[in-house]
Protein backbone atom coordinates (compact mmCIF):
# COMPACT_ATOMS: atom_id res chain seq x y z
CA MET A 1 63.75 95.11 122.66
CA LEU A 2 62.02 97.91 120.85
CA PRO A 3 59.68 100.22 123.33
CA GLN A 4 56.17 98.89 123.41
CA LEU A 5 55.04 102.07 121.65
CA PHE A 6 56.72 100.82 118.52
CA ARG A 7 55.43 97.73 118.25
CA HIS A 8 53.55 96.42 115.32
CA ARG A 9 51.85 93.16 113.92
CA TRP A 10 54.86 91.99 111.80
CA MET A 11 56.63 92.07 115.17
CA ASP A 12 55.92 88.89 116.34
CA ALA A 13 58.03 86.46 118.86
CA GLU A 14 59.76 84.76 116.00
CA ILE A 15 61.13 87.85 114.21
CA GLU A 16 61.95 89.61 117.53
CA ALA A 17 64.29 86.26 118.38
CA PHE A 18 65.60 86.55 115.12
CA ARG A 19 66.38 90.15 115.81
CA GLU A 20 68.28 89.22 118.88
CA GLN A 21 70.52 86.61 117.07
CA VAL A 22 71.56 89.22 114.46
CA ARG A 23 72.31 91.70 117.02
CA ARG A 24 74.52 89.07 118.84
CA TYR A 25 76.10 88.17 115.99
CA VAL A 26 76.88 91.40 114.82
CA ALA A 27 78.45 92.65 118.28
CA ARG A 28 80.52 89.49 118.21
CA GLU A 29 81.52 88.88 114.55
CA LEU A 30 81.34 92.31 113.00
CA ALA A 31 81.71 95.67 115.28
CA PRO A 32 85.08 94.64 116.60
CA HIS A 33 86.56 94.63 113.24
CA LEU A 34 85.09 98.01 112.11
CA GLY A 35 87.97 100.02 112.52
CA GLN A 36 90.21 97.96 110.36
CA TRP A 37 87.39 97.83 107.52
CA ARG A 38 86.91 101.59 107.83
CA ASP A 39 90.85 102.09 107.27
CA GLN A 40 91.46 99.97 104.45
CA GLY A 41 88.05 101.06 102.78
CA PHE A 42 86.09 98.00 102.40
CA ILE A 43 84.63 94.73 104.36
CA PRO A 44 86.68 91.77 102.85
CA ARG A 45 84.03 89.47 100.83
CA ASP A 46 84.67 86.31 102.82
CA VAL A 47 83.29 88.02 105.82
CA TRP A 48 79.52 87.65 104.69
CA ARG A 49 80.06 83.65 103.96
CA PRO A 50 79.64 82.68 108.00
CA PHE A 51 76.86 85.41 107.74
CA GLY A 52 75.40 83.53 105.20
CA ALA A 53 75.73 80.47 106.84
CA VAL A 54 73.69 81.26 109.99
CA GLY A 55 70.95 82.68 107.83
CA MET A 56 71.10 86.07 108.37
CA LEU A 57 72.49 87.09 104.73
CA LEU A 58 69.42 86.12 102.78
CA PRO A 59 66.57 84.95 105.02
CA GLU A 60 63.85 85.80 102.85
CA LEU A 61 64.74 83.69 100.19
CA PRO A 62 62.56 80.54 99.55
CA GLU A 63 64.14 77.13 101.19
CA GLU A 64 64.46 75.63 97.76
CA TRP A 65 66.73 78.53 96.92
CA GLY A 66 68.75 78.35 100.11
CA GLY A 67 66.83 80.94 102.57
CA ALA A 68 64.71 80.43 105.45
CA GLY A 69 61.70 81.29 103.69
CA ALA A 70 61.14 84.04 105.73
CA THR A 71 59.62 87.60 105.10
CA LEU A 72 61.28 90.68 103.68
CA ALA A 73 60.75 92.09 107.29
CA HIS A 74 63.42 89.53 108.51
CA GLN A 75 65.87 91.45 105.97
CA LEU A 76 64.93 94.70 107.33
CA VAL A 77 65.71 93.66 110.65
CA VAL A 78 69.08 92.67 109.66
CA GLN A 79 69.49 96.12 108.03
CA ASP A 80 68.28 97.72 111.33
CA GLU A 81 70.87 95.91 113.52
CA LEU A 82 73.56 96.60 111.25
CA ALA A 83 72.72 100.23 110.81
CA ARG A 84 72.70 100.25 114.53
CA ALA A 85 76.07 98.80 115.05
CA GLU A 86 77.46 101.13 112.42
CA VAL A 87 78.13 98.43 109.91
CA PRO A 88 77.39 99.64 106.18
CA GLY A 89 74.70 98.01 104.27
CA ASN A 90 76.31 96.39 101.99
CA THR A 91 73.94 93.45 102.12
CA SER A 92 70.98 95.75 101.15
CA VAL A 93 72.22 95.75 97.39
CA HIS A 94 72.76 91.78 97.88
CA SER A 95 68.81 91.54 98.78
CA ILE A 96 68.33 93.45 95.80
CA VAL A 97 69.92 91.47 93.43
CA ALA A 98 68.52 88.44 94.84
CA ARG A 99 64.88 89.97 94.27
CA TYR A 100 65.61 90.45 90.75
CA LEU A 101 66.45 87.15 90.16
CA LEU A 102 63.87 85.32 92.22
CA ASP A 103 61.05 87.60 90.28
CA TYR A 104 62.77 87.61 86.72
CA GLY A 105 65.40 84.92 86.45
CA THR A 106 64.70 81.79 84.43
CA PRO A 107 64.64 78.75 86.30
CA GLU A 108 68.37 78.08 85.30
CA GLN A 109 69.38 81.48 86.40
CA LYS A 110 67.77 80.84 89.84
CA SER A 111 69.71 77.37 90.36
CA ARG A 112 72.42 78.68 89.28
CA TRP A 113 73.08 82.07 91.38
CA LEU A 114 70.57 82.19 94.28
CA PRO A 115 71.90 79.27 96.47
CA ARG A 116 75.33 80.97 96.04
CA LEU A 117 73.93 84.46 97.00
CA ALA A 118 72.54 82.87 100.25
CA LYS A 119 75.69 81.03 101.25
CA GLY A 120 77.63 84.09 100.59
CA GLU A 121 79.82 82.46 97.86
CA PHE A 122 78.90 85.67 95.70
CA LEU A 123 78.77 88.89 96.96
CA ALA A 124 76.40 91.04 94.55
CA ALA A 125 76.46 94.63 93.04
CA ILE A 126 74.40 96.22 91.03
CA ALA A 127 76.02 98.77 88.17
CA LEU A 128 73.43 101.21 86.99
CA THR A 129 74.91 104.67 87.54
CA GLU A 130 77.11 106.38 84.99
CA PRO A 131 79.45 109.41 84.66
CA ASP A 132 76.81 111.30 82.92
CA CYS A 133 73.63 109.05 84.02
CA GLY A 134 72.40 109.13 87.45
CA SER A 135 68.73 108.92 88.44
CA ASP A 136 67.78 109.07 84.81
CA LEU A 137 68.20 105.62 83.71
CA LYS A 138 66.66 105.82 80.49
CA ALA A 139 69.76 108.06 79.43
CA LEU A 140 72.16 105.31 80.11
CA THR A 141 75.12 104.65 77.23
CA THR A 142 76.40 101.57 78.32
CA ARG A 143 75.73 99.12 75.47
CA ALA A 144 75.20 95.27 74.92
CA ARG A 145 75.03 93.98 71.24
CA LYS A 146 74.20 90.79 70.18
CA GLU A 147 76.46 88.39 68.43
CA ASP A 148 75.36 85.16 67.85
CA SER A 149 74.68 83.25 71.32
CA THR A 150 76.89 85.98 72.93
CA TYR A 151 76.24 89.77 73.98
CA VAL A 152 79.48 92.15 74.08
CA ILE A 153 79.18 94.82 76.77
CA ASP A 154 81.26 98.55 76.38
CA GLY A 155 80.54 101.06 78.97
CA SER A 156 81.68 102.41 82.39
CA LYS A 157 79.73 103.07 85.50
CA THR A 158 80.50 104.84 88.67
CA PHE A 159 79.42 105.22 92.21
CA ILE A 160 78.97 101.42 92.48
CA THR A 161 78.41 100.07 96.07
CA ASN A 162 80.27 96.98 96.40
CA GLY A 163 81.95 97.66 92.99
CA TYR A 164 85.26 96.70 94.56
CA SER A 165 84.63 93.68 96.49
CA ALA A 166 81.41 92.15 94.83
CA ASN A 167 82.06 89.18 92.28
CA LEU A 168 78.57 88.78 90.83
CA ILE A 169 77.31 92.13 89.39
CA VAL A 170 73.77 92.93 87.58
CA VAL A 171 74.61 95.45 84.95
CA ALA A 172 72.06 97.56 82.89
CA ALA A 173 73.11 97.86 79.43
CA ARG A 174 71.26 99.15 76.21
CA THR A 175 70.18 96.43 73.98
CA GLY A 176 67.58 98.60 71.55
CA GLU A 177 66.13 101.94 71.09
CA ALA A 178 66.64 105.30 73.11
CA GLY A 179 64.52 105.30 76.14
CA SER A 180 63.30 102.90 78.85
CA ARG A 181 62.40 100.06 76.42
CA GLY A 182 65.87 99.67 75.19
CA VAL A 183 67.34 98.78 78.51
CA SER A 184 68.31 94.99 79.64
CA LEU A 185 69.86 93.66 82.88
CA PHE A 186 73.06 91.09 82.61
CA VAL A 187 74.27 88.99 85.37
CA LEU A 188 77.77 88.89 85.29
CA GLU A 189 80.12 86.57 87.42
CA THR A 190 83.31 88.93 87.25
CA GLU A 191 86.46 87.25 88.60
CA HIS A 192 88.67 86.43 85.96
CA LEU A 193 86.24 87.97 83.48
CA PRO A 194 88.11 89.35 80.35
CA GLY A 195 87.50 92.88 79.29
CA PHE A 196 86.00 93.71 82.82
CA ARG A 197 88.25 95.90 85.16
CA VAL A 198 87.20 97.56 88.45
CA GLY A 199 88.74 101.52 88.47
CA ARG A 200 89.43 103.67 91.25
CA ARG A 201 88.01 102.80 94.78
CA LEU A 202 86.61 105.92 95.46
CA GLU A 203 87.18 108.11 98.67
CA LYS A 204 84.20 109.44 100.25
CA LEU A 205 82.76 111.74 102.70
CA GLY A 206 81.59 108.80 105.33
CA GLN A 207 80.65 105.29 105.18
CA HIS A 208 84.18 104.56 104.85
CA ALA A 209 84.27 100.67 105.54
CA SER A 210 81.77 100.14 102.12
CA ASP A 211 83.82 100.22 99.23
CA THR A 212 82.13 102.10 96.42
CA ALA A 213 83.98 101.76 92.67
CA GLU A 214 84.36 102.68 89.36
CA LEU A 215 83.85 99.84 86.87
CA PHE A 216 84.73 99.44 83.28
CA PHE A 217 83.43 97.14 80.50
CA ASP A 218 85.68 96.62 77.54
CA GLY A 219 84.47 94.30 74.84
CA VAL A 220 83.31 92.14 77.86
CA LYS A 221 81.65 88.72 76.36
CA VAL A 222 78.70 87.63 78.22
CA PRO A 223 76.74 84.38 77.16
CA ALA A 224 72.98 85.01 76.13
CA ASP A 225 71.64 82.78 79.21
CA GLN A 226 73.07 85.51 81.48
CA LEU A 227 70.24 87.92 79.93
CA LEU A 228 68.18 88.50 83.06
CA GLY A 229 64.76 86.82 82.29
CA GLY A 230 65.98 85.90 78.92
CA ILE A 231 64.16 88.54 76.97
CA GLU A 232 65.52 91.98 75.79
CA GLY A 233 64.07 95.36 76.89
CA ARG A 234 62.53 94.33 80.15
CA GLY A 235 65.42 95.92 82.33
CA PHE A 236 63.87 99.26 83.21
CA ALA A 237 60.63 97.66 84.22
CA GLN A 238 62.48 95.11 86.30
CA LEU A 239 64.35 97.88 87.97
CA MET A 240 61.24 99.80 88.92
CA SER A 241 59.49 96.77 90.07
CA GLN A 242 61.50 96.71 93.18
CA LEU A 243 61.15 100.16 94.14
CA PRO A 244 59.26 100.20 97.37
CA TYR A 245 61.41 97.56 98.94
CA GLU A 246 64.41 99.06 98.16
CA ARG A 247 63.34 102.40 99.76
CA LEU A 248 62.45 100.82 102.62
CA LEU A 249 66.21 99.31 102.67
CA ILE A 250 67.34 103.29 102.91
CA ALA A 251 64.62 104.26 105.15
CA VAL A 252 64.95 101.51 108.10
CA PRO A 253 68.47 101.96 108.66
CA ALA A 254 67.48 105.98 108.85
CA ALA A 255 65.24 104.87 111.83
CA ALA A 256 67.98 102.94 113.58
CA VAL A 257 70.60 105.74 113.24
CA ILE A 258 68.28 108.30 114.56
CA GLU A 259 67.92 106.18 117.71
CA ARG A 260 71.17 105.46 118.40
CA ALA A 261 72.67 108.99 117.85
CA LEU A 262 69.56 110.04 120.38
CA GLU A 263 70.99 107.05 122.84
CA LEU A 264 74.67 108.06 122.75
CA THR A 265 73.85 112.02 123.18
CA VAL A 266 71.50 111.51 126.20
CA ALA A 267 74.26 109.53 127.82
CA TYR A 268 76.94 111.96 126.74
CA THR A 269 74.91 114.76 128.14
CA LYS A 270 74.10 113.23 131.62
CA GLU A 271 77.83 112.90 132.22
CA ARG A 272 79.35 116.03 130.53
CA ARG A 273 79.49 118.75 132.74
CA ALA A 274 79.67 122.71 132.06
CA PHE A 275 79.12 125.58 134.38
CA GLY A 276 78.93 123.38 137.19
CA GLN A 277 76.20 121.17 136.03
CA ALA A 278 75.37 118.31 133.33
CA LEU A 279 74.49 119.30 129.98
CA ALA A 280 71.35 117.21 130.46
CA GLU A 281 70.31 119.63 133.15
CA PHE A 282 70.16 122.66 130.84
CA GLN A 283 66.89 123.33 129.47
CA ASN A 284 68.04 123.89 125.76
CA THR A 285 69.52 120.36 126.00
CA ARG A 286 66.52 119.00 127.21
CA PHE A 287 64.16 120.94 124.61
CA GLN A 288 66.41 119.76 121.94
CA LEU A 289 66.70 116.19 122.83
CA ALA A 290 62.77 116.24 122.99
CA GLU A 291 62.42 117.36 119.55
CA CYS A 292 64.78 114.35 118.61
CA ALA A 293 63.13 112.01 120.52
CA THR A 294 59.68 112.62 118.82
CA LEU A 295 61.34 112.64 115.60
CA ALA A 296 62.82 109.15 116.42
CA HIS A 297 59.02 107.90 117.50
CA VAL A 298 57.42 109.61 114.26
CA VAL A 299 60.25 108.07 111.97
CA ARG A 300 59.88 104.85 113.76
CA SER A 301 56.20 104.36 113.72
CA PHE A 302 56.21 105.42 109.83
CA VAL A 303 58.79 102.99 108.83
CA ASN A 304 57.12 100.08 111.12
CA ASP A 305 53.61 101.01 109.14
CA CYS A 306 55.53 100.75 105.67
CA ILE A 307 57.04 97.36 106.93
CA GLN A 308 53.54 96.05 107.68
CA ARG A 309 52.17 97.11 104.64
CA LEU A 310 54.95 95.63 102.63
CA VAL A 311 54.64 92.15 104.27
CA ASP A 312 50.89 92.66 103.71
CA GLY A 313 51.38 93.60 99.89
CA THR A 314 49.86 96.51 100.17
CA LEU A 315 52.73 98.97 100.10
CA ASP A 316 52.47 101.63 97.56
CA ASP A 317 55.05 103.25 95.74
CA GLU A 318 54.37 106.78 96.74
CA ALA A 319 54.57 105.74 100.53
CA ALA A 320 57.87 103.99 99.80
CA TYR A 321 58.98 107.32 98.28
CA MET A 322 57.55 109.51 101.14
CA ALA A 323 59.51 107.09 103.59
CA LYS A 324 62.64 107.14 101.76
CA TRP A 325 63.24 111.00 101.58
CA TRP A 326 61.42 112.22 104.84
CA CYS A 327 62.97 109.37 106.88
CA THR A 328 66.76 110.27 105.70
CA GLU A 329 66.18 114.03 106.12
CA GLN A 330 65.34 113.39 109.49
CA GLN A 331 68.49 111.29 109.99
CA GLY A 332 70.60 114.11 108.68
CA LYS A 333 68.66 116.80 111.13
CA VAL A 334 68.73 114.53 114.07
CA THR A 335 72.52 113.55 113.63
CA ASP A 336 73.61 117.10 113.36
CA GLU A 337 71.47 118.26 116.37
CA CYS A 338 73.06 115.59 118.48
CA LEU A 339 76.62 116.08 117.21
CA GLN A 340 76.30 119.93 118.11
CA LEU A 341 75.31 118.65 121.79
CA PHE A 342 79.04 116.93 121.79
CA GLY A 343 80.76 120.40 121.36
CA GLY A 344 84.24 119.94 119.98
CA SER A 345 84.10 116.29 120.89
CA GLY A 346 81.53 115.57 118.22
CA TYR A 347 83.85 116.89 115.63
CA MET A 348 86.32 114.23 116.26
CA ALA A 349 86.04 111.30 113.65
CA GLU A 350 87.05 108.83 116.44
CA MET A 351 83.71 109.79 118.30
CA PRO A 352 80.64 107.40 116.99
CA ILE A 353 78.31 110.60 116.68
CA ALA A 354 81.02 112.35 114.09
CA ARG A 355 80.83 108.80 112.00
CA LEU A 356 77.00 108.57 112.25
CA TYR A 357 76.53 112.17 110.95
CA ALA A 358 79.17 111.63 108.06
CA ASP A 359 77.40 108.20 107.12
CA ALA A 360 74.02 109.85 106.98
CA ARG A 361 74.69 112.41 104.30
CA VAL A 362 74.59 109.92 101.37
CA GLN A 363 71.61 108.46 102.40
CA ARG A 364 69.45 111.80 100.85
CA ILE A 365 71.32 110.83 97.47
CA TYR A 366 71.57 107.43 96.83
CA GLY A 367 68.64 105.05 95.82
CA GLY A 368 66.97 108.36 94.59
CA THR A 369 67.70 111.76 95.91
CA THR A 370 65.29 113.68 97.99
CA GLU A 371 64.46 115.85 94.99
CA ILE A 372 63.62 112.79 92.76
CA MET A 373 61.17 111.31 95.52
CA LYS A 374 59.39 114.76 95.95
CA ASP A 375 59.02 114.85 92.14
CA LEU A 376 57.45 111.02 91.69
CA ILE A 377 55.39 111.90 94.65
CA ALA A 378 54.18 115.21 92.78
CA ARG A 379 53.47 113.45 89.67
CA ARG A 380 50.80 111.16 91.47
CA LEU A 381 49.32 114.26 92.79
CA PHE A 382 49.02 115.90 89.71
CA SER A 383 48.16 112.76 87.39
């Protein structure tokens, strides 16, 4: 149960009961296998089928599409509990794809893919980033040319979360002129798809249980009815419209990890002794952890306010950008401060604090770098 200090209107009794169910499931079914998944570099796709069967994969989907008809706050609770247990947020990408289909898919596309996403029959990925195109999606070069009732896709993508394990991928490709108006999104079922190839599974600094891969499209033929929404040139707008929610999918785990790092460090400093006393008795330790506790409070309060505004439909882009960059920066700061208090033990990969530290670094990069977030905020200031 979260401290009363952090409670918000969206945290009603039903969502707290849901949180407890997720926490128990994660502890029982996922956390015991994390070591194996880190070693092999991915979480098997079939792991998410039972997660979907108990309604935790896409609870926010309407019941007609296989969900529970819950709010986006329920999905954010799932991400909160996964992050707290060190389970990477593979399912956050899955949720984003479901939002694209729910908001922009044709009726046929929704009925074809949403129920299977909710059940975990499909695991989703989003293929945006290219070797020479990161945050500037207007510059992407992967192309989809129309041939009768088919599109032919050629290009490559990199740094794709779930790229190795996913079997349903939303691909951004250029269908028209240079710039944002020429971008379209395609939904690909990738198993046994001619011309589609998964390249290297990339070795990362952290988040070792989450697969990140290169993808290649060599004359991949896609039926025209797999163009998201059925109209060319709307891809950029479709991507941009979901950004407030996507930013919170990164900010919420930042809050969870900060709290977890603080818990681990308080416990460690109570037990670890130096110069005849517990580390927790040194003023330096107490002051450092007081600062970390303050940051944990402010981050969680900010995140909760953003979630409430998301549920109310009043979350603006700038607040989401602020939450993304600031909360992830504090995540890096707190995990670094906490690791320092562990001394040499904190540098050992077997220690949870070391993994939290390494995993935190990418939070300030993916989903829009800190610098991009600040630039977007500044544009509004000076518009």
